[in-house]
Amino acid sequence: MVDWRRQAAEGRLQKGTTIEFSRTFSQDELLAFGRLTRDYNPVHYEPRWHQAKGFDAPICHGLLVGSMICEPGGQLGWLATGMSFRFLKPVFVGDNITCRFKILEIDERHFARAECSLTNQDGELVVSGDLQGFLPTPEEQELLATMLERQPPATQ
């Protein structure tokens, strides 16, 4: 497994850096996300409603799926300033989603733009997004490196 935080701490992030990982969403996560956000749209819970909308089962919250970008963003110390998502296909509990996060540019202020694509187990694009924010400055990279020395990511 790639240690993204170490890459950020060592200043090795650059245009073209790509991070890819997968996860499967559970019913417990869907319910917890709904409680946390108070998003009780019946398309996520009520069989009659999701069937009326043309879905075979309740669908996951779009932002639950989109939140996959938080894993690389948080590991890199990315300070987001903007995000834009396009929700293209429904994601169901039990779907295995692969997130591909790619840095498109980084300027001299460490301001970066990235794109993400999330595909399901059938290779279908379900969410795409554009992201912007700040990557760690050299001073922050040093702080991140010190933090990693004291408590490696595997033990957190």
N, C-alpha and C. Protein backbone atom coordinates (compact mmCIF):
# COMPACT_ATOMS: atom_id res chain seq x y z
N MET A 1 0.83 -1.18 0.00
CA MET A 1 0.00 0.00 0.00
C MET A 1 0.88 1.25 0.00
N VAL A 2 0.54 2.23 -0.82
CA VAL A 2 1.29 3.46 -0.93
C VAL A 2 1.00 4.34 0.28
N ASP A 3 2.04 4.92 0.85
CA ASP A 3 1.89 5.82 1.98
C ASP A 3 1.78 7.25 1.43
N TRP A 4 0.56 7.69 1.23
CA TRP A 4 0.32 8.99 0.62
C TRP A 4 0.82 10.13 1.49
N ARG A 5 0.70 9.97 2.81
CA ARG A 5 1.17 11.03 3.70
C ARG A 5 2.68 11.21 3.59
N ARG A 6 3.39 10.11 3.46
CA ARG A 6 4.84 10.21 3.34
C ARG A 6 5.21 10.92 2.02
N GLN A 7 4.46 10.63 0.95
CA GLN A 7 4.70 11.32 -0.32
C GLN A 7 4.50 12.82 -0.15
N ALA A 8 3.43 13.22 0.57
CA ALA A 8 3.17 14.64 0.80
C ALA A 8 4.26 15.26 1.66
N ALA A 9 4.67 14.54 2.71
CA ALA A 9 5.69 15.06 3.63
C ALA A 9 7.03 15.23 2.93
N GLU A 10 7.30 14.40 1.96
CA GLU A 10 8.58 14.46 1.24
C GLU A 10 8.51 15.37 0.01
N GLY A 11 7.36 16.02 -0.20
CA GLY A 11 7.23 16.92 -1.33
C GLY A 11 7.24 16.22 -2.67
N ARG A 12 6.81 14.96 -2.70
CA ARG A 12 6.86 14.18 -3.95
C ARG A 12 5.57 14.25 -4.75
N LEU A 13 4.59 15.04 -4.30
CA LEU A 13 3.35 15.17 -5.07
C LEU A 13 3.60 16.10 -6.25
N GLN A 14 3.09 15.72 -7.39
CA GLN A 14 3.31 16.51 -8.60
C GLN A 14 2.15 16.29 -9.56
N LYS A 15 2.13 17.10 -10.58
CA LYS A 15 1.14 16.93 -11.64
C LYS A 15 1.22 15.48 -12.12
N GLY A 16 0.08 14.84 -12.22
CA GLY A 16 0.03 13.45 -12.67
C GLY A 16 0.00 12.43 -11.56
N THR A 17 0.34 12.83 -10.31
CA THR A 17 0.25 11.89 -9.20
C THR A 17 -1.16 11.34 -9.15
N THR A 18 -1.28 10.02 -9.12
CA THR A 18 -2.59 9.37 -9.14
C THR A 18 -2.68 8.41 -7.96
N ILE A 19 -3.80 8.47 -7.29
CA ILE A 19 -4.07 7.61 -6.14
C ILE A 19 -5.32 6.80 -6.48
N GLU A 20 -5.26 5.51 -6.26
CA GLU A 20 -6.41 4.65 -6.57
C GLU A 20 -6.64 3.67 -5.43
N PHE A 21 -7.89 3.51 -5.03
CA PHE A 21 -8.25 2.58 -3.97
C PHE A 21 -9.73 2.24 -4.11
N SER A 22 -10.17 1.20 -3.42
CA SER A 22 -11.56 0.74 -3.51
C SER A 22 -12.15 0.53 -2.13
N ARG A 23 -13.48 0.55 -2.09
CA ARG A 23 -14.20 0.19 -0.87
C ARG A 23 -15.61 -0.23 -1.24
N THR A 24 -16.23 -0.94 -0.33
CA THR A 24 -17.61 -1.40 -0.50
C THR A 24 -18.46 -0.73 0.57
N PHE A 25 -19.56 -0.13 0.15
CA PHE A 25 -20.44 0.56 1.09
C PHE A 25 -21.43 -0.41 1.73
N SER A 26 -21.62 -0.26 3.04
CA SER A 26 -22.50 -1.15 3.80
C SER A 26 -23.80 -0.44 4.18
N GLN A 27 -24.77 -1.22 4.58
CA GLN A 27 -26.04 -0.69 5.07
C GLN A 27 -25.80 0.17 6.32
N ASP A 28 -24.91 -0.28 7.20
CA ASP A 28 -24.61 0.50 8.41
C ASP A 28 -24.04 1.87 8.05
N GLU A 29 -23.18 1.94 7.03
CA GLU A 29 -22.62 3.23 6.62
C GLU A 29 -23.70 4.14 6.04
N LEU A 30 -24.61 3.57 5.24
CA LEU A 30 -25.70 4.34 4.68
C LEU A 30 -26.55 4.94 5.81
N LEU A 31 -26.89 4.11 6.79
CA LEU A 31 -27.71 4.59 7.91
C LEU A 31 -26.97 5.64 8.74
N ALA A 32 -25.69 5.41 9.00
CA ALA A 32 -24.91 6.36 9.79
C ALA A 32 -24.78 7.69 9.06
N PHE A 33 -24.57 7.65 7.74
CA PHE A 33 -24.45 8.89 6.97
C PHE A 33 -25.76 9.66 7.02
N GLY A 34 -26.87 8.96 6.89
CA GLY A 34 -28.18 9.62 6.97
C GLY A 34 -28.40 10.29 8.32
N ARG A 35 -28.01 9.59 9.40
CA ARG A 35 -28.15 10.18 10.74
C ARG A 35 -27.24 11.39 10.89
N LEU A 36 -26.00 11.27 10.42
CA LEU A 36 -25.03 12.35 10.55
C LEU A 36 -25.46 13.61 9.79
N THR A 37 -25.95 13.43 8.58
CA THR A 37 -26.30 14.56 7.72
C THR A 37 -27.77 14.95 7.82
N ARG A 38 -28.57 14.10 8.44
CA ARG A 38 -30.03 14.28 8.52
C ARG A 38 -30.67 14.24 7.14
N ASP A 39 -30.04 13.50 6.25
CA ASP A 39 -30.57 13.31 4.89
C ASP A 39 -31.43 12.05 4.92
N TYR A 40 -32.72 12.25 5.07
CA TYR A 40 -33.66 11.13 5.16
C TYR A 40 -34.50 11.00 3.89
N ASN A 41 -33.92 11.38 2.76
CA ASN A 41 -34.62 11.22 1.49
C ASN A 41 -35.07 9.77 1.38
N PRO A 42 -36.35 9.54 1.10
CA PRO A 42 -36.85 8.16 1.06
C PRO A 42 -36.20 7.28 -0.01
N VAL A 43 -35.50 7.87 -0.98
CA VAL A 43 -34.84 7.05 -2.00
C VAL A 43 -33.73 6.20 -1.37
N HIS A 44 -33.28 6.60 -0.17
CA HIS A 44 -32.23 5.85 0.52
C HIS A 44 -32.80 4.79 1.47
N TYR A 45 -34.10 4.83 1.74
CA TYR A 45 -34.66 3.99 2.80
C TYR A 45 -35.94 3.24 2.45
N GLU A 46 -36.78 3.82 1.66
CA GLU A 46 -38.14 3.33 1.47
C GLU A 46 -38.32 2.59 0.14
N PRO A 47 -38.61 1.28 0.19
CA PRO A 47 -38.75 0.49 -1.05
C PRO A 47 -39.76 1.07 -2.04
N ARG A 48 -40.89 1.51 -1.57
CA ARG A 48 -41.89 2.06 -2.51
C ARG A 48 -41.34 3.29 -3.23
N TRP A 49 -40.56 4.08 -2.51
CA TRP A 49 -40.04 5.32 -3.10
C TRP A 49 -38.95 5.02 -4.13
N HIS A 50 -37.98 4.15 -3.75
CA HIS A 50 -36.90 3.91 -4.72
C HIS A 50 -37.45 3.18 -5.95
N GLN A 51 -38.47 2.34 -5.76
CA GLN A 51 -39.08 1.68 -6.92
C GLN A 51 -39.79 2.70 -7.81
N ALA A 52 -40.47 3.68 -7.19
CA ALA A 52 -41.15 4.72 -7.96
C ALA A 52 -40.13 5.55 -8.76
N LYS A 53 -38.92 5.64 -8.25
CA LYS A 53 -37.86 6.38 -8.95
C LYS A 53 -37.14 5.51 -9.98
N GLY A 54 -37.49 4.22 -10.05
CA GLY A 54 -36.91 3.34 -11.05
C GLY A 54 -35.67 2.58 -10.60
N PHE A 55 -35.43 2.53 -9.29
CA PHE A 55 -34.27 1.80 -8.76
C PHE A 55 -34.72 0.48 -8.18
N ASP A 56 -33.85 -0.53 -8.26
CA ASP A 56 -34.15 -1.86 -7.75
C ASP A 56 -33.99 -1.97 -6.24
N ALA A 57 -33.28 -1.04 -5.66
CA ALA A 57 -33.00 -1.07 -4.22
C ALA A 57 -32.71 0.35 -3.77
N PRO A 58 -32.67 0.58 -2.46
CA PRO A 58 -32.28 1.91 -1.98
C PRO A 58 -30.88 2.26 -2.49
N ILE A 59 -30.69 3.54 -2.79
CA ILE A 59 -29.39 3.97 -3.28
C ILE A 59 -28.61 4.67 -2.17
N CYS A 60 -27.30 4.58 -2.25
CA CYS A 60 -26.43 5.29 -1.29
C CYS A 60 -26.52 6.79 -1.54
N HIS A 61 -26.33 7.55 -0.50
CA HIS A 61 -26.27 9.01 -0.62
C HIS A 61 -25.12 9.37 -1.56
N GLY A 62 -25.36 10.30 -2.48
CA GLY A 62 -24.32 10.71 -3.41
C GLY A 62 -23.08 11.23 -2.70
N LEU A 63 -23.29 12.03 -1.65
CA LEU A 63 -22.14 12.58 -0.96
C LEU A 63 -21.42 11.54 -0.11
N LEU A 64 -22.10 10.47 0.29
CA LEU A 64 -21.40 9.37 0.96
C LEU A 64 -20.38 8.78 -0.02
N VAL A 65 -20.82 8.53 -1.23
CA VAL A 65 -19.92 7.98 -2.25
C VAL A 65 -18.84 9.01 -2.59
N GLY A 66 -19.25 10.25 -2.81
CA GLY A 66 -18.29 11.30 -3.12
C GLY A 66 -17.27 11.53 -2.03
N SER A 67 -17.64 11.19 -0.80
CA SER A 67 -16.72 11.40 0.33
C SER A 67 -15.48 10.52 0.24
N MET A 68 -15.44 9.60 -0.70
CA MET A 68 -14.24 8.79 -0.87
C MET A 68 -13.02 9.67 -1.13
N ILE A 69 -13.22 10.87 -1.67
CA ILE A 69 -12.07 11.76 -1.92
C ILE A 69 -11.43 12.22 -0.62
N CYS A 70 -12.16 12.10 0.49
CA CYS A 70 -11.60 12.52 1.78
C CYS A 70 -10.43 11.64 2.19
N GLU A 71 -10.42 10.40 1.75
CA GLU A 71 -9.31 9.52 2.13
C GLU A 71 -7.98 10.04 1.58
N PRO A 72 -7.84 10.23 0.26
CA PRO A 72 -6.56 10.78 -0.19
C PRO A 72 -6.38 12.23 0.25
N GLY A 73 -7.44 13.03 0.21
CA GLY A 73 -7.31 14.43 0.61
C GLY A 73 -6.81 14.58 2.03
N GLY A 74 -7.38 13.81 2.93
CA GLY A 74 -6.96 13.87 4.33
C GLY A 74 -5.56 13.33 4.53
N GLN A 75 -5.22 12.27 3.84
CA GLN A 75 -3.89 11.70 3.98
C GLN A 75 -2.81 12.65 3.44
N LEU A 76 -3.16 13.42 2.40
CA LEU A 76 -2.19 14.33 1.79
C LEU A 76 -2.09 15.66 2.53
N GLY A 77 -3.03 15.93 3.42
CA GLY A 77 -3.07 17.24 4.05
C GLY A 77 -3.64 18.30 3.13
N TRP A 78 -4.45 17.88 2.16
CA TRP A 78 -5.08 18.77 1.18
C TRP A 78 -6.12 19.62 1.90
N LEU A 79 -6.05 20.94 1.74
CA LEU A 79 -7.05 21.84 2.30
C LEU A 79 -7.96 22.26 1.16
N ALA A 80 -9.14 21.66 1.12
CA ALA A 80 -10.06 21.87 -0.01
C ALA A 80 -10.62 23.29 0.00
N THR A 81 -10.73 23.85 -1.20
CA THR A 81 -11.40 25.14 -1.37
C THR A 81 -12.61 25.03 -2.29
N GLY A 82 -12.74 23.91 -2.97
CA GLY A 82 -13.88 23.71 -3.85
C GLY A 82 -13.97 22.29 -4.35
N MET A 83 -15.21 21.86 -4.57
CA MET A 83 -15.48 20.53 -5.11
C MET A 83 -16.73 20.61 -5.97
N SER A 84 -16.74 19.86 -7.03
CA SER A 84 -17.90 19.77 -7.90
C SER A 84 -18.06 18.31 -8.31
N PHE A 85 -19.24 17.75 -8.06
CA PHE A 85 -19.49 16.34 -8.39
C PHE A 85 -20.58 16.23 -9.45
N ARG A 86 -20.48 15.18 -10.25
CA ARG A 86 -21.53 14.78 -11.17
C ARG A 86 -21.89 13.34 -10.82
N PHE A 87 -23.14 13.14 -10.42
CA PHE A 87 -23.62 11.82 -10.02
C PHE A 87 -24.28 11.19 -11.24
N LEU A 88 -23.64 10.17 -11.79
CA LEU A 88 -24.02 9.63 -13.09
C LEU A 88 -24.84 8.35 -13.03
N LYS A 89 -24.59 7.53 -12.04
CA LYS A 89 -25.32 6.26 -11.88
C LYS A 89 -25.50 6.01 -10.38
N PRO A 90 -26.55 5.30 -10.02
CA PRO A 90 -26.76 5.01 -8.60
C PRO A 90 -25.72 4.03 -8.07
N VAL A 91 -25.44 4.17 -6.78
CA VAL A 91 -24.58 3.23 -6.07
C VAL A 91 -25.45 2.56 -5.02
N PHE A 92 -25.38 1.25 -4.96
CA PHE A 92 -26.20 0.47 -4.03
C PHE A 92 -25.33 -0.11 -2.93
N VAL A 93 -25.94 -0.38 -1.78
CA VAL A 93 -25.24 -1.07 -0.70
C VAL A 93 -24.64 -2.35 -1.29
N GLY A 94 -23.40 -2.62 -0.97
CA GLY A 94 -22.72 -3.80 -1.48
C GLY A 94 -21.91 -3.56 -2.74
N ASP A 95 -22.12 -2.41 -3.39
CA ASP A 95 -21.31 -2.11 -4.58
C ASP A 95 -19.87 -1.83 -4.15
N ASN A 96 -18.94 -2.29 -4.96
CA ASN A 96 -17.53 -2.02 -4.72
C ASN A 96 -17.14 -0.86 -5.63
N ILE A 97 -16.72 0.23 -5.02
CA ILE A 97 -16.42 1.45 -5.77
C ILE A 97 -14.91 1.70 -5.74
N THR A 98 -14.35 1.97 -6.90
CA THR A 98 -12.95 2.34 -7.03
C THR A 98 -12.85 3.82 -7.29
N CYS A 99 -12.05 4.50 -6.49
CA CYS A 99 -11.81 5.93 -6.63
C CYS A 99 -10.44 6.13 -7.26
N ARG A 100 -10.41 6.94 -8.29
CA ARG A 100 -9.14 7.32 -8.93
C ARG A 100 -9.03 8.84 -8.79
N PHE A 101 -8.04 9.28 -8.04
CA PHE A 101 -7.83 10.69 -7.70
C PHE A 101 -6.53 11.11 -8.38
N LYS A 102 -6.59 12.10 -9.27
CA LYS A 102 -5.42 12.49 -10.04
C LYS A 102 -5.18 13.99 -9.93
N ILE A 103 -3.96 14.36 -9.56
CA ILE A 103 -3.57 15.77 -9.48
C ILE A 103 -3.30 16.28 -10.89
N LEU A 104 -3.99 17.35 -11.26
CA LEU A 104 -3.86 17.91 -12.61
C LEU A 104 -2.84 19.03 -12.68
N GLU A 105 -2.74 19.81 -11.60
CA GLU A 105 -1.75 20.89 -11.59
C GLU A 105 -1.50 21.35 -10.16
N ILE A 106 -0.32 21.88 -9.96
CA ILE A 106 0.08 22.47 -8.68
C ILE A 106 0.85 23.73 -9.02
N ASP A 107 0.46 24.86 -8.43
CA ASP A 107 1.19 26.09 -8.72
C ASP A 107 2.19 26.42 -7.62
N GLU A 108 2.87 27.56 -7.74
CA GLU A 108 3.93 27.93 -6.81
C GLU A 108 3.40 28.19 -5.39
N ARG A 109 2.10 28.44 -5.24
CA ARG A 109 1.51 28.65 -3.90
C ARG A 109 1.06 27.31 -3.30
N HIS A 110 1.28 26.23 -4.01
CA HIS A 110 0.85 24.87 -3.63
C HIS A 110 -0.65 24.69 -3.80
N PHE A 111 -1.27 25.60 -4.58
CA PHE A 111 -2.67 25.45 -4.94
C PHE A 111 -2.75 24.38 -6.02
N ALA A 112 -3.66 23.44 -5.84
CA ALA A 112 -3.73 22.31 -6.76
C ALA A 112 -5.15 22.11 -7.28
N ARG A 113 -5.21 21.55 -8.44
CA ARG A 113 -6.49 21.08 -9.00
C ARG A 113 -6.35 19.59 -9.23
N ALA A 114 -7.46 18.88 -9.01
CA ALA A 114 -7.46 17.43 -9.21
C ALA A 114 -8.81 17.01 -9.79
N GLU A 115 -8.83 15.81 -10.29
CA GLU A 115 -10.08 15.22 -10.76
C GLU A 115 -10.22 13.87 -10.08
N CYS A 116 -11.47 13.45 -9.96
CA CYS A 116 -11.70 12.10 -9.43
C CYS A 116 -12.71 11.40 -10.32
N SER A 117 -12.55 10.11 -10.41
CA SER A 117 -13.54 9.27 -11.09
C SER A 117 -13.79 8.08 -10.19
N LEU A 118 -15.06 7.77 -10.00
CA LEU A 118 -15.46 6.65 -9.16
C LEU A 118 -16.23 5.68 -10.03
N THR A 119 -15.76 4.45 -10.08
CA THR A 119 -16.39 3.42 -10.91
C THR A 119 -16.86 2.27 -10.04
N ASN A 120 -17.91 1.61 -10.50
CA ASN A 120 -18.42 0.45 -9.74
C ASN A 120 -17.71 -0.83 -10.18
N GLN A 121 -18.11 -1.93 -9.59
CA GLN A 121 -17.47 -3.22 -9.84
C GLN A 121 -17.62 -3.68 -11.30
N ASP A 122 -18.54 -3.05 -12.04
CA ASP A 122 -18.73 -3.39 -13.45
C ASP A 122 -17.95 -2.44 -14.37
N GLY A 123 -17.14 -1.55 -13.75
CA GLY A 123 -16.35 -0.61 -14.53
C GLY A 123 -17.14 0.60 -15.00
N GLU A 124 -18.36 0.77 -14.52
CA GLU A 124 -19.19 1.90 -14.93
C GLU A 124 -18.85 3.13 -14.09
N LEU A 125 -18.71 4.27 -14.76
CA LEU A 125 -18.46 5.53 -14.06
C LEU A 125 -19.74 5.94 -13.33
N VAL A 126 -19.66 6.08 -12.00
CA VAL A 126 -20.83 6.44 -11.21
C VAL A 126 -20.77 7.88 -10.71
N VAL A 127 -19.58 8.39 -10.46
CA VAL A 127 -19.40 9.77 -10.01
C VAL A 127 -18.11 10.29 -10.62
N SER A 128 -18.14 11.54 -11.05
CA SER A 128 -16.90 12.22 -11.45
C SER A 128 -16.87 13.55 -10.73
N GLY A 129 -15.68 14.06 -10.53
CA GLY A 129 -15.59 15.32 -9.80
C GLY A 129 -14.34 16.10 -10.13
N ASP A 130 -14.43 17.40 -9.83
CA ASP A 130 -13.31 18.32 -9.95
C ASP A 130 -13.07 18.91 -8.57
N LEU A 131 -11.81 19.01 -8.19
CA LEU A 131 -11.44 19.44 -6.85
C LEU A 131 -10.36 20.49 -6.94
N GLN A 132 -10.35 21.36 -5.94
CA GLN A 132 -9.28 22.34 -5.85
C GLN A 132 -8.97 22.60 -4.39
N GLY A 133 -7.73 22.98 -4.13
CA GLY A 133 -7.33 23.28 -2.77
C GLY A 133 -5.83 23.40 -2.67
N PHE A 134 -5.35 23.47 -1.43
CA PHE A 134 -3.94 23.68 -1.18
C PHE A 134 -3.28 22.41 -0.64
N LEU A 135 -2.15 22.07 -1.23
CA LEU A 135 -1.31 20.99 -0.72
C LEU A 135 -0.33 21.57 0.29
N PRO A 136 0.28 20.75 1.13
CA PRO A 136 1.19 21.27 2.14
C PRO A 136 2.36 22.06 1.55
N THR A 137 2.67 23.19 2.20
CA THR A 137 3.84 23.99 1.85
C THR A 137 5.08 23.27 2.38
N PRO A 138 6.27 23.71 2.01
CA PRO A 138 7.48 23.06 2.55
C PRO A 138 7.51 23.04 4.08
N GLU A 139 7.06 24.11 4.72
CA GLU A 139 7.04 24.14 6.20
C GLU A 139 6.06 23.10 6.74
N GLU A 140 4.90 23.00 6.11
CA GLU A 140 3.90 22.02 6.53
C GLU A 140 4.38 20.60 6.24
N GLN A 141 5.13 20.43 5.16
CA GLN A 141 5.69 19.12 4.84
C GLN A 141 6.63 18.67 5.96
N GLU A 142 7.43 19.59 6.48
CA GLU A 142 8.32 19.26 7.59
C GLU A 142 7.52 18.85 8.82
N LEU A 143 6.46 19.58 9.12
CA LEU A 143 5.61 19.24 10.25
C LEU A 143 4.97 17.87 10.06
N LEU A 144 4.48 17.62 8.87
CA LEU A 144 3.88 16.32 8.56
C LEU A 144 4.91 15.20 8.73
N ALA A 145 6.13 15.42 8.27
CA ALA A 145 7.20 14.42 8.42
C ALA A 145 7.46 14.14 9.89
N THR A 146 7.51 15.18 10.71
CA THR A 146 7.72 15.01 12.16
C THR A 146 6.57 14.23 12.78
N MET A 147 5.35 14.55 12.38
CA MET A 147 4.18 13.84 12.89
C MET A 147 4.25 12.36 12.53
N LEU A 148 4.67 12.07 11.30
CA LEU A 148 4.76 10.69 10.84
C LEU A 148 5.83 9.91 11.59
N GLU A 149 6.93 10.58 11.95
CA GLU A 149 7.99 9.91 12.73
C GLU A 149 7.47 9.50 14.10
N ARG A 150 6.66 10.33 14.69
CA ARG A 150 6.14 10.06 16.04
C ARG A 150 5.02 9.03 16.05
N GLN A 151 4.20 9.04 15.00
CA GLN A 151 3.08 8.11 14.96
C GLN A 151 2.82 7.72 13.50
N PRO A 152 3.44 6.63 13.05
CA PRO A 152 3.27 6.19 11.67
C PRO A 152 1.79 5.94 11.36
N PRO A 153 1.37 6.17 10.10
CA PRO A 153 -0.03 5.99 9.71
C PRO A 153 -0.61 4.63 10.05
N ALA A 154 0.20 3.57 10.00
CA ALA A 154 -0.32 2.23 10.23
C ALA A 154 -0.81 2.04 11.67
N THR A 155 -0.35 2.88 12.59
CA THR A 155 -0.75 2.71 14.00
C THR A 155 -1.82 3.70 14.43
N GLN A 156 -2.28 4.53 13.52
CA GLN A 156 -3.28 5.54 13.89
C GLN A 156 -4.67 5.00 13.80
